[in-house]
Amino acid sequence: ENVILAPHGDVVVAGGGQLNLIGGSLLFDCKWSGDFGLTVKAEAELKVAGVRAPSDVSEKTTAEAVTPTASTCRISALREDGVHNGYILIEKGGRASFKNAELSYLGGGKLDKFNQPWDDICRVGLAWASDELGFTVENCEFHHCIAGIVVSKQPGQNMPPARISNNVFHDCQTGIVTSYWIEKLRITENTFRKNGRGLDIRGGGYTKAWITNNQFIENEI
């Protein structure tokens, strides 16, 4: 807790292992954006959780309500200049949960095509290759990422209920992007503020997401 780790290479959770980041900071010291990051392999687990301070509790009813957490748990870049970003990749069969954390300056590569291959977008922020495990992200702040969260699912995979709720996304190229075939995904009570795109739901009739009670403030699209 309350330590600062500045890795110079990949951090990999594998072989049924578990990494708990409860407070403290993980700051990637990359030579360029996407140089390396944090990867969770199949059967491994990542738990990220900060401590929410009473003074930071907000109903997010105004444009000024941006930070929902005490920022006691951070995953970011050591050099916060936008060209030395790390990334977080949860591979198929990996488990992860995020609560009361700050995630910033994540992502390498580009997010510019309607239907980009997974290999092209899996390192643009916090990315999930969803399958039968599901996930939760709540009460987190995402900022200065290429994409705050990327969710991908292939045809034939089972996707249990997954939830992205009560988060704030600001100053990202895109707040949340989902691929084709997404189902049972709830995106609720989030705030998207001053992003290039707040929410990018791809797949038309092949995508089933419940999107409720979100705020969109001063996004370009």
C-alpha atoms as a PDB file:
ATOM      1  CA  GLU A   1       0.000   0.000   0.000  1.00  0.00           C
ATOM      2  CA  ASN A   2       1.002   3.603  -0.704  1.00  0.00           C
ATOM      3  CA  VAL A   3       4.125   2.590  -2.611  1.00  0.00           C
ATOM      4  CA  ILE A   4       5.215   3.812  -6.039  1.00  0.00           C
ATOM      5  CA  LEU A   5       6.318   1.223  -8.588  1.00  0.00           C
ATOM      6  CA  ALA A   6       7.910   2.407 -11.843  1.00  0.00           C
ATOM      7  CA  PRO A   7       8.518  -0.668 -14.024  1.00  0.00           C
ATOM      8  CA  HIS A   8      10.868  -0.487 -17.024  1.00  0.00           C
ATOM      9  CA  GLY A   9       9.255  -3.468 -18.759  1.00  0.00           C
ATOM     10  CA  ASP A  10       6.114  -5.585 -18.928  1.00  0.00           C
ATOM     11  CA  VAL A  11       4.249  -6.531 -15.776  1.00  0.00           C
ATOM     12  CA  VAL A  12       2.587  -9.912 -16.421  1.00  0.00           C
ATOM     13  CA  VAL A  13       0.165 -11.737 -14.119  1.00  0.00           C
ATOM     14  CA  ALA A  14       0.002 -15.383 -15.191  1.00  0.00           C
ATOM     15  CA  GLY A  15      -0.173 -19.008 -14.096  1.00  0.00           C
ATOM     16  CA  GLY A  16      -3.112 -18.597 -11.745  1.00  0.00           C
ATOM     17  CA  GLY A  17      -1.386 -15.723  -9.942  1.00  0.00           C
ATOM     18  CA  GLN A  18      -3.055 -12.674  -8.428  1.00  0.00           C
ATOM     19  CA  LEU A  19      -1.914  -9.060  -8.253  1.00  0.00           C
ATOM     20  CA  ASN A  20      -3.632  -6.783  -5.739  1.00  0.00           C
ATOM     21  CA  LEU A  21      -2.996  -3.073  -6.092  1.00  0.00           C
ATOM     22  CA  ILE A  22      -4.640  -1.668  -2.974  1.00  0.00           C
ATOM     23  CA  GLY A  23      -3.493   1.924  -2.817  1.00  0.00           C
ATOM     24  CA  GLY A  24      -0.153   3.080  -4.205  1.00  0.00           C
ATOM     25  CA  SER A  25       0.865   3.860  -7.772  1.00  0.00           C
ATOM     26  CA  LEU A  26       1.996   1.867 -10.787  1.00  0.00           C
ATOM     27  CA  LEU A  27       3.718   4.290 -13.172  1.00  0.00           C
ATOM     28  CA  PHE A  28       5.061   2.862 -16.433  1.00  0.00           C
ATOM     29  CA  ASP A  29       8.464   4.202 -17.496  1.00  0.00           C
ATOM     30  CA  CYS A  30       8.029   3.642 -21.237  1.00  0.00           C
ATOM     31  CA  LYS A  31      10.340   4.823 -23.995  1.00  0.00           C
ATOM     32  CA  TRP A  32       7.299   5.403 -26.228  1.00  0.00           C
ATOM     33  CA  SER A  33       3.546   4.936 -25.922  1.00  0.00           C
ATOM     34  CA  GLY A  34       2.629   1.252 -25.991  1.00  0.00           C
ATOM     35  CA  ASP A  35       6.227   0.192 -25.288  1.00  0.00           C
ATOM     36  CA  PHE A  36       4.992  -2.121 -22.535  1.00  0.00           C
ATOM     37  CA  GLY A  37       2.232  -2.431 -19.972  1.00  0.00           C
ATOM     38  CA  LEU A  38       0.316  -4.609 -17.535  1.00  0.00           C
ATOM     39  CA  THR A  39      -1.041  -7.898 -18.945  1.00  0.00           C
ATOM     40  CA  VAL A  40      -3.319 -10.373 -17.156  1.00  0.00           C
ATOM     41  CA  LYS A  41      -3.170 -13.848 -18.677  1.00  0.00           C
ATOM     42  CA  ALA A  42      -5.796 -16.612 -18.574  1.00  0.00           C
ATOM     43  CA  GLU A  43      -6.578 -17.907 -15.064  1.00  0.00           C
ATOM     44  CA  ALA A  44      -4.775 -14.955 -13.461  1.00  0.00           C
ATOM     45  CA  GLU A  45      -6.424 -12.077 -11.609  1.00  0.00           C
ATOM     46  CA  LEU A  46      -5.900  -8.358 -11.055  1.00  0.00           C
ATOM     47  CA  LYS A  47      -7.638  -6.367  -8.327  1.00  0.00           C
ATOM     48  CA  VAL A  48      -7.236  -2.593  -8.274  1.00  0.00           C
ATOM     49  CA  ALA A  49      -8.856  -0.652  -5.435  1.00  0.00           C
ATOM     50  CA  GLY A  50      -8.347   2.717  -3.800  1.00  0.00           C
ATOM     51  CA  VAL A  51      -9.928   4.263  -0.742  1.00  0.00           C
ATOM     52  CA  ARG A  52     -12.775   6.674  -1.293  1.00  0.00           C
ATOM     53  CA  ALA A  53     -12.607   9.742   0.928  1.00  0.00           C
ATOM     54  CA  PRO A  54     -15.867  11.316   2.176  1.00  0.00           C
ATOM     55  CA  SER A  55     -14.852  14.715   0.780  1.00  0.00           C
ATOM     56  CA  ASP A  56     -14.667  13.226  -2.729  1.00  0.00           C
ATOM     57  CA  VAL A  57     -18.135  11.706  -2.754  1.00  0.00           C
ATOM     58  CA  SER A  58     -20.118  13.465  -5.455  1.00  0.00           C
ATOM     59  CA  GLU A  59     -23.408  13.000  -7.225  1.00  0.00           C
ATOM     60  CA  LYS A  60     -21.696  14.356 -10.352  1.00  0.00           C
ATOM     61  CA  THR A  61     -24.548  16.770 -10.996  1.00  0.00           C
ATOM     62  CA  THR A  62     -22.339  19.562 -12.375  1.00  0.00           C
ATOM     63  CA  ALA A  63     -19.643  19.880 -15.001  1.00  0.00           C
ATOM     64  CA  GLU A  64     -17.137  20.629 -12.244  1.00  0.00           C
ATOM     65  CA  ALA A  65     -17.706  17.235 -10.596  1.00  0.00           C
ATOM     66  CA  VAL A  66     -14.866  15.374 -12.274  1.00  0.00           C
ATOM     67  CA  THR A  67     -13.002  13.255  -9.732  1.00  0.00           C
ATOM     68  CA  PRO A  68     -15.012  10.515  -7.995  1.00  0.00           C
ATOM     69  CA  THR A  69     -12.105   9.038  -6.021  1.00  0.00           C
ATOM     70  CA  ALA A  70      -9.467   9.999  -3.508  1.00  0.00           C
ATOM     71  CA  SER A  71      -6.813   8.991  -6.062  1.00  0.00           C
ATOM     72  CA  THR A  72      -5.135   6.745  -3.505  1.00  0.00           C
ATOM     73  CA  CYS A  73      -4.601   4.131  -6.226  1.00  0.00           C
ATOM     74  CA  ARG A  74      -3.120   5.168  -9.580  1.00  0.00           C
ATOM     75  CA  ILE A  75      -2.056   3.459 -12.798  1.00  0.00           C
ATOM     76  CA  SER A  76      -0.436   5.921 -15.152  1.00  0.00           C
ATOM     77  CA  ALA A  77       2.765   6.918 -16.942  1.00  0.00           C
ATOM     78  CA  LEU A  78       5.848   8.052 -15.090  1.00  0.00           C
ATOM     79  CA  ARG A  79       6.144  10.851 -17.670  1.00  0.00           C
ATOM     80  CA  GLU A  80       2.684  12.315 -18.134  1.00  0.00           C
ATOM     81  CA  ASP A  81       3.259  13.880 -21.546  1.00  0.00           C
ATOM     82  CA  GLY A  82       1.118  11.627 -23.745  1.00  0.00           C
ATOM     83  CA  VAL A  83       4.027  10.014 -25.625  1.00  0.00           C
ATOM     84  CA  HIS A  84       5.268   7.602 -22.947  1.00  0.00           C
ATOM     85  CA  ASN A  85       2.003   5.798 -22.139  1.00  0.00           C
ATOM     86  CA  GLY A  86       1.672   2.236 -20.877  1.00  0.00           C
ATOM     87  CA  TYR A  87      -1.449   0.093 -21.238  1.00  0.00           C
ATOM     88  CA  ILE A  88      -3.539  -2.538 -19.417  1.00  0.00           C
ATOM     89  CA  LEU A  89      -4.572  -5.705 -21.257  1.00  0.00           C
ATOM     90  CA  ILE A  90      -6.858  -8.363 -19.792  1.00  0.00           C
ATOM     91  CA  GLU A  91      -6.521 -11.375 -22.070  1.00  0.00           C
ATOM     92  CA  LYS A  92      -9.183 -14.020 -22.656  1.00  0.00           C
ATOM     93  CA  GLY A  93      -9.712 -15.992 -19.436  1.00  0.00           C
ATOM     94  CA  GLY A  94      -8.121 -13.319 -17.227  1.00  0.00           C
ATOM     95  CA  ARG A  95      -9.991 -11.721 -14.341  1.00  0.00           C
ATOM     96  CA  ALA A  96      -9.869  -8.105 -13.195  1.00  0.00           C
ATOM     97  CA  SER A  97     -11.810  -5.548 -11.176  1.00  0.00           C
ATOM     98  CA  PHE A  98     -11.255  -1.831 -10.713  1.00  0.00           C
ATOM     99  CA  LYS A  99     -12.731   0.309  -7.950  1.00  0.00           C
ATOM    100  CA  ASN A 100     -11.924   3.809  -6.657  1.00  0.00           C
ATOM    101  CA  ALA A 101      -8.828   4.180  -8.832  1.00  0.00           C
ATOM    102  CA  GLU A 102      -7.296   6.748 -11.160  1.00  0.00           C
ATOM    103  CA  LEU A 103      -6.218   5.457 -14.579  1.00  0.00           C
ATOM    104  CA  SER A 104      -4.497   7.924 -16.860  1.00  0.00           C
ATOM    105  CA  TYR A 105      -2.004   8.352 -19.709  1.00  0.00           C
ATOM    106  CA  LEU A 106      -2.710   4.887 -21.095  1.00  0.00           C
ATOM    107  CA  GLY A 107      -2.576   3.723 -24.677  1.00  0.00           C
ATOM    108  CA  GLY A 108      -0.363   3.314 -27.697  1.00  0.00           C
ATOM    109  CA  GLY A 109      -1.396   3.108 -31.352  1.00  0.00           C
ATOM    110  CA  LYS A 110      -4.530   4.566 -32.915  1.00  0.00           C
ATOM    111  CA  LEU A 111      -8.268   4.172 -32.564  1.00  0.00           C
ATOM    112  CA  ASP A 112      -9.544   5.426 -35.886  1.00  0.00           C
ATOM    113  CA  LYS A 113     -11.329   2.639 -37.785  1.00  0.00           C
ATOM    114  CA  PHE A 114     -14.898   1.468 -37.396  1.00  0.00           C
ATOM    115  CA  ASN A 115     -13.959  -2.215 -37.192  1.00  0.00           C
ATOM    116  CA  GLN A 116     -10.284  -2.430 -36.290  1.00  0.00           C
ATOM    117  CA  PRO A 117      -8.769  -5.865 -35.560  1.00  0.00           C
ATOM    118  CA  TRP A 118      -8.340  -6.666 -31.873  1.00  0.00           C
ATOM    119  CA  ASP A 119      -4.543  -6.673 -32.193  1.00  0.00           C
ATOM    120  CA  ASP A 120      -4.704  -3.053 -33.356  1.00  0.00           C
ATOM    121  CA  ILE A 121      -6.728  -1.752 -30.425  1.00  0.00           C
ATOM    122  CA  CYS A 122      -5.855  -3.994 -27.471  1.00  0.00           C
ATOM    123  CA  ARG A 123      -3.173  -1.587 -26.259  1.00  0.00           C
ATOM    124  CA  VAL A 124      -4.992   1.738 -26.526  1.00  0.00           C
ATOM    125  CA  GLY A 125      -5.981   1.935 -22.831  1.00  0.00           C
ATOM    126  CA  LEU A 126      -7.644  -0.575 -20.493  1.00  0.00           C
ATOM    127  CA  ALA A 127      -8.715  -3.413 -22.806  1.00  0.00           C
ATOM    128  CA  TRP A 128     -10.741  -6.559 -22.144  1.00  0.00           C
ATOM    129  CA  ALA A 129     -10.945  -9.612 -24.380  1.00  0.00           C
ATOM    130  CA  SER A 130     -14.264 -10.591 -22.819  1.00  0.00           C
ATOM    131  CA  ASP A 131     -15.383 -14.149 -22.377  1.00  0.00           C
ATOM    132  CA  GLU A 132     -17.186 -16.091 -19.660  1.00  0.00           C
ATOM    133  CA  LEU A 133     -15.695 -14.188 -16.703  1.00  0.00           C
ATOM    134  CA  GLY A 134     -17.300 -10.746 -16.851  1.00  0.00           C
ATOM    135  CA  PHE A 135     -15.871  -7.659 -15.151  1.00  0.00           C
ATOM    136  CA  THR A 136     -16.656  -4.545 -13.104  1.00  0.00           C
ATOM    137  CA  VAL A 137     -15.270  -1.025 -13.204  1.00  0.00           C
ATOM    138  CA  GLU A 138     -16.756   1.412 -10.715  1.00  0.00           C
ATOM    139  CA  ASN A 139     -15.994   4.777  -9.117  1.00  0.00           C
ATOM    140  CA  CYS A 140     -12.855   5.278 -11.207  1.00  0.00           C
ATOM    141  CA  GLU A 141     -11.429   8.278 -13.035  1.00  0.00           C
ATOM    142  CA  PHE A 142     -10.020   7.869 -16.558  1.00  0.00           C
ATOM    143  CA  HIS A 143      -8.182  10.742 -18.208  1.00  0.00           C
ATOM    144  CA  HIS A 144      -5.657  11.441 -20.972  1.00  0.00           C
ATOM    145  CA  CYS A 145      -6.017   7.932 -22.451  1.00  0.00           C
ATOM    146  CA  ILE A 146      -6.354   7.016 -26.110  1.00  0.00           C
ATOM    147  CA  ALA A 147      -9.356   4.996 -24.923  1.00  0.00           C
ATOM    148  CA  GLY A 148     -10.408   4.716 -21.317  1.00  0.00           C
ATOM    149  CA  ILE A 149     -11.949   1.241 -21.731  1.00  0.00           C
ATOM    150  CA  VAL A 150     -12.052  -1.111 -24.721  1.00  0.00           C
ATOM    151  CA  VAL A 151     -14.320  -4.188 -24.582  1.00  0.00           C
ATOM    152  CA  SER A 152     -14.071  -6.891 -27.246  1.00  0.00           C
ATOM    153  CA  LYS A 153     -15.938 -10.169 -27.723  1.00  0.00           C
ATOM    154  CA  GLN A 154     -15.819 -12.697 -30.524  1.00  0.00           C
ATOM    155  CA  PRO A 155     -18.843 -14.559 -31.943  1.00  0.00           C
ATOM    156  CA  GLY A 156     -19.664 -17.692 -29.991  1.00  0.00           C
ATOM    157  CA  GLN A 157     -18.132 -16.518 -26.711  1.00  0.00           C
ATOM    158  CA  ASN A 158     -20.445 -16.359 -23.713  1.00  0.00           C
ATOM    159  CA  MET A 159     -20.493 -12.995 -21.969  1.00  0.00           C
ATOM    160  CA  PRO A 160     -21.975 -12.806 -18.452  1.00  0.00           C
ATOM    161  CA  PRO A 161     -23.304  -9.539 -17.011  1.00  0.00           C
ATOM    162  CA  ALA A 162     -20.584  -6.869 -16.972  1.00  0.00           C
ATOM    163  CA  ARG A 163     -20.857  -3.389 -15.489  1.00  0.00           C
ATOM    164  CA  ILE A 164     -19.136  -0.023 -15.974  1.00  0.00           C
ATOM    165  CA  SER A 165     -20.701   2.369 -13.490  1.00  0.00           C
ATOM    166  CA  ASN A 166     -20.162   5.646 -11.632  1.00  0.00           C
ATOM    167  CA  ASN A 167     -16.920   6.465 -13.413  1.00  0.00           C
ATOM    168  CA  VAL A 168     -15.647   9.716 -14.886  1.00  0.00           C
ATOM    169  CA  PHE A 169     -13.966   9.871 -18.314  1.00  0.00           C
ATOM    170  CA  HIS A 170     -12.351  13.164 -19.302  1.00  0.00           C
ATOM    171  CA  ASP A 171      -9.702  14.399 -21.731  1.00  0.00           C
ATOM    172  CA  CYS A 172      -9.519  11.018 -23.510  1.00  0.00           C
ATOM    173  CA  GLN A 173      -9.629  10.490 -27.264  1.00  0.00           C
ATOM    174  CA  THR A 174     -12.521   8.081 -26.537  1.00  0.00           C
ATOM    175  CA  GLY A 175     -14.090   7.273 -23.187  1.00  0.00           C
ATOM    176  CA  ILE A 176     -15.446   3.763 -23.876  1.00  0.00           C
ATOM    177  CA  VAL A 177     -15.377   1.732 -27.103  1.00  0.00           C
ATOM    178  CA  THR A 178     -16.982  -1.687 -27.621  1.00  0.00           C
ATOM    179  CA  SER A 179     -16.618  -4.138 -30.496  1.00  0.00           C
ATOM    180  CA  TYR A 180     -19.186  -6.244 -32.337  1.00  0.00           C
ATOM    181  CA  TRP A 181     -21.083  -9.006 -30.516  1.00  0.00           C
ATOM    182  CA  ILE A 182     -21.095  -7.343 -27.071  1.00  0.00           C
ATOM    183  CA  GLU A 183     -24.002  -8.414 -24.854  1.00  0.00           C
ATOM    184  CA  LYS A 184     -25.120  -8.050 -21.224  1.00  0.00           C
ATOM    185  CA  LEU A 185     -22.953  -4.945 -20.769  1.00  0.00           C
ATOM    186  CA  ARG A 186     -24.320  -2.197 -18.531  1.00  0.00           C
ATOM    187  CA  ILE A 187     -22.880   1.304 -18.849  1.00  0.00           C
ATOM    188  CA  THR A 188     -24.612   3.374 -16.211  1.00  0.00           C
ATOM    189  CA  GLU A 189     -24.258   6.610 -14.241  1.00  0.00           C
ATOM    190  CA  ASN A 190     -20.921   7.579 -15.788  1.00  0.00           C
ATOM    191  CA  THR A 191     -19.801  11.100 -16.691  1.00  0.00           C
ATOM    192  CA  PHE A 192     -18.084  11.772 -20.033  1.00  0.00           C
ATOM    193  CA  ARG A 193     -16.525  15.233 -20.134  1.00  0.00           C
ATOM    194  CA  LYS A 194     -14.290  16.941 -22.701  1.00  0.00           C
ATOM    195  CA  ASN A 195     -13.374  13.779 -24.626  1.00  0.00           C
ATOM    196  CA  GLY A 196     -12.961  13.473 -28.372  1.00  0.00           C
ATOM    197  CA  ARG A 197     -15.705  10.835 -28.262  1.00  0.00           C
ATOM    198  CA  GLY A 198     -17.528   9.990 -25.096  1.00  0.00           C
ATOM    199  CA  LEU A 199     -18.966   6.603 -26.025  1.00  0.00           C
ATOM    200  CA  ASP A 200     -18.304   4.554 -29.171  1.00  0.00           C
ATOM    201  CA  ILE A 201     -20.639   1.532 -29.377  1.00  0.00           C
ATOM    202  CA  ARG A 202     -19.776  -0.495 -32.465  1.00  0.00           C
ATOM    203  CA  GLY A 203     -21.670  -3.343 -34.061  1.00  0.00           C
ATOM    204  CA  GLY A 204     -25.191  -2.107 -34.709  1.00  0.00           C
ATOM    205  CA  GLY A 205     -27.740  -4.881 -34.230  1.00  0.00           C
ATOM    206  CA  TYR A 206     -25.055  -7.297 -33.087  1.00  0.00           C
ATOM    207  CA  THR A 207     -24.437  -5.302 -29.920  1.00  0.00           C
ATOM    208  CA  LYS A 208     -26.651  -5.415 -26.822  1.00  0.00           C
ATOM    209  CA  ALA A 209     -25.684  -2.884 -24.156  1.00  0.00           C
ATOM    210  CA  TRP A 210     -27.809  -1.151 -21.533  1.00  0.00           C
ATOM    211  CA  ILE A 211     -26.785   2.520 -21.428  1.00  0.00           C
ATOM    212  CA  THR A 212     -28.600   4.483 -18.724  1.00  0.00           C
ATOM    213  CA  ASN A 213     -28.270   7.679 -16.672  1.00  0.00           C
ATOM    214  CA  ASN A 214     -24.946   8.823 -18.113  1.00  0.00           C
ATOM    215  CA  GLN A 215     -23.886  12.462 -18.495  1.00  0.00           C
ATOM    216  CA  PHE A 216     -22.192  13.831 -21.622  1.00  0.00           C
ATOM    217  CA  ILE A 217     -20.594  17.251 -21.164  1.00  0.00           C
ATOM    218  CA  GLU A 218     -18.553  19.181 -23.736  1.00  0.00           C
ATOM    219  CA  ASN A 219     -17.401  16.163 -25.769  1.00  0.00           C
ATOM    220  CA  GLU A 220     -16.454  16.789 -29.383  1.00  0.00           C
ATOM    221  CA  ILE A 221     -18.733  13.935 -30.542  1.00  0.00           C
END
